Amino acid sequence: MYNTALLGSSDRLAADLLNPYIEQIENAVDLRQLRYIYEDFRIHLMMLEDEAYEKGEYKKALEVGVIGSVIGYMLDDFYNCFYP
């Protein structure tokens, strides 16, 4: 969350968007399952970013895009664990 704030997005927005996924994240039994949860979250973020942009909510689209980028960087670490 702090990375999103450093890059210009609201940490509160990141927390609100991540909230529906918290239970799944906490109950993940392995790294692979956790990766899939975050991949779903990133897809959700891309859809929200597109919707916000289409509505002319450019600041929100940018903030959601930043959160998606941070999740993308995190997913790169997951891929490096599976495919060194």
Protein backbone atom coordinates (compact mmCIF):
# COMPACT_ATOMS: atom_id res chain seq x y z
CA MET A 1 0.00 0.00 0.00
CA TYR A 2 2.82 2.39 0.79
CA ASN A 3 4.26 1.91 -2.69
CA THR A 4 1.00 3.05 -4.22
CA ALA A 5 1.03 6.22 -2.12
CA LEU A 6 4.64 6.94 -3.11
CA LEU A 7 3.67 6.66 -6.78
CA GLY A 8 0.75 9.08 -6.52
CA SER A 9 -2.23 6.94 -5.61
CA SER A 10 -4.27 7.01 -2.45
CA ASP A 11 -3.33 4.31 0.05
CA ARG A 12 -6.96 4.40 1.19
CA LEU A 13 -8.13 3.59 -2.34
CA ALA A 14 -5.69 0.68 -2.48
CA ALA A 15 -7.01 -0.63 0.84
CA ASP A 16 -10.63 -0.28 -0.30
CA LEU A 17 -9.96 -2.10 -3.56
CA LEU A 18 -7.96 -4.87 -1.88
CA ASN A 19 -10.48 -5.39 0.93
CA PRO A 20 -12.71 -7.93 -0.93
CA TYR A 21 -9.64 -10.09 -1.54
CA ILE A 22 -8.24 -10.07 2.02
CA GLU A 23 -9.98 -13.28 3.15
CA GLN A 24 -8.78 -15.16 0.06
CA ILE A 25 -5.24 -13.87 0.56
CA GLU A 26 -5.20 -14.87 4.22
CA ASN A 27 -6.50 -18.36 3.37
CA ALA A 28 -4.10 -19.03 0.49
CA VAL A 29 -2.33 -22.32 1.12
CA ASP A 30 0.64 -21.79 -1.17
CA LEU A 31 2.42 -19.24 -3.30
CA ARG A 32 0.74 -20.44 -6.49
CA GLN A 33 -2.75 -19.84 -5.09
CA LEU A 34 -1.68 -16.43 -3.82
CA ARG A 35 -0.38 -15.56 -7.27
CA TYR A 36 -3.75 -16.45 -8.84
CA ILE A 37 -5.60 -14.25 -6.34
CA TYR A 38 -3.38 -11.28 -7.16
CA GLU A 39 -3.74 -11.95 -10.89
CA ASP A 40 -7.54 -11.79 -10.48
CA PHE A 41 -7.14 -8.59 -8.48
CA ARG A 42 -5.01 -7.05 -11.23
CA ILE A 43 -7.59 -7.94 -13.89
CA HIS A 44 -10.27 -6.31 -11.72
CA LEU A 45 -8.10 -3.20 -11.44
CA MET A 46 -7.64 -2.99 -15.22
CA MET A 47 -11.42 -3.10 -15.68
CA LEU A 48 -11.93 -0.39 -13.05
CA GLU A 49 -9.26 1.76 -14.68
CA ASP A 50 -10.99 1.47 -18.06
CA GLU A 51 -14.40 2.28 -16.56
CA ALA A 52 -13.06 5.33 -14.74
CA TYR A 53 -11.33 6.59 -17.88
CA GLU A 54 -14.48 6.15 -19.98
CA LYS A 55 -16.45 8.16 -17.41
CA GLY A 56 -13.90 10.95 -17.55
CA GLU A 57 -12.64 10.24 -14.03
CA TYR A 58 -9.02 10.60 -15.06
CA LYS A 59 -7.54 11.03 -11.59
CA LYS A 60 -9.21 7.85 -10.37
CA ALA A 61 -8.15 6.00 -13.53
CA LEU A 62 -4.56 7.09 -12.91
CA GLU A 63 -4.67 6.05 -9.24
CA VAL A 64 -6.16 2.64 -10.06
CA GLY A 65 -3.55 2.22 -12.81
CA VAL A 66 -0.78 2.93 -10.31
CA ILE A 67 -2.15 0.26 -7.97
CA GLY A 68 -2.31 -2.18 -10.88
CA SER A 69 1.30 -1.40 -11.76
CA VAL A 70 2.44 -2.08 -8.20
CA ILE A 71 0.57 -5.40 -8.26
CA GLY A 72 2.22 -6.16 -11.61
CA TYR A 73 5.68 -5.63 -10.13
CA MET A 74 4.74 -7.88 -7.25
CA LEU A 75 3.54 -10.56 -9.67
CA ASP A 76 6.91 -10.40 -11.43
CA ASP A 77 8.44 -11.54 -8.14
CA PHE A 78 5.99 -14.45 -8.03
CA TYR A 79 6.96 -15.47 -11.56
CA ASN A 80 10.63 -15.34 -10.61
CA CYS A 81 9.89 -17.80 -7.79
CA PHE A 82 8.30 -20.26 -10.21
CA TYR A 83 10.49 -19.73 -13.27
CA PRO A 84 14.00 -18.72 -12.14
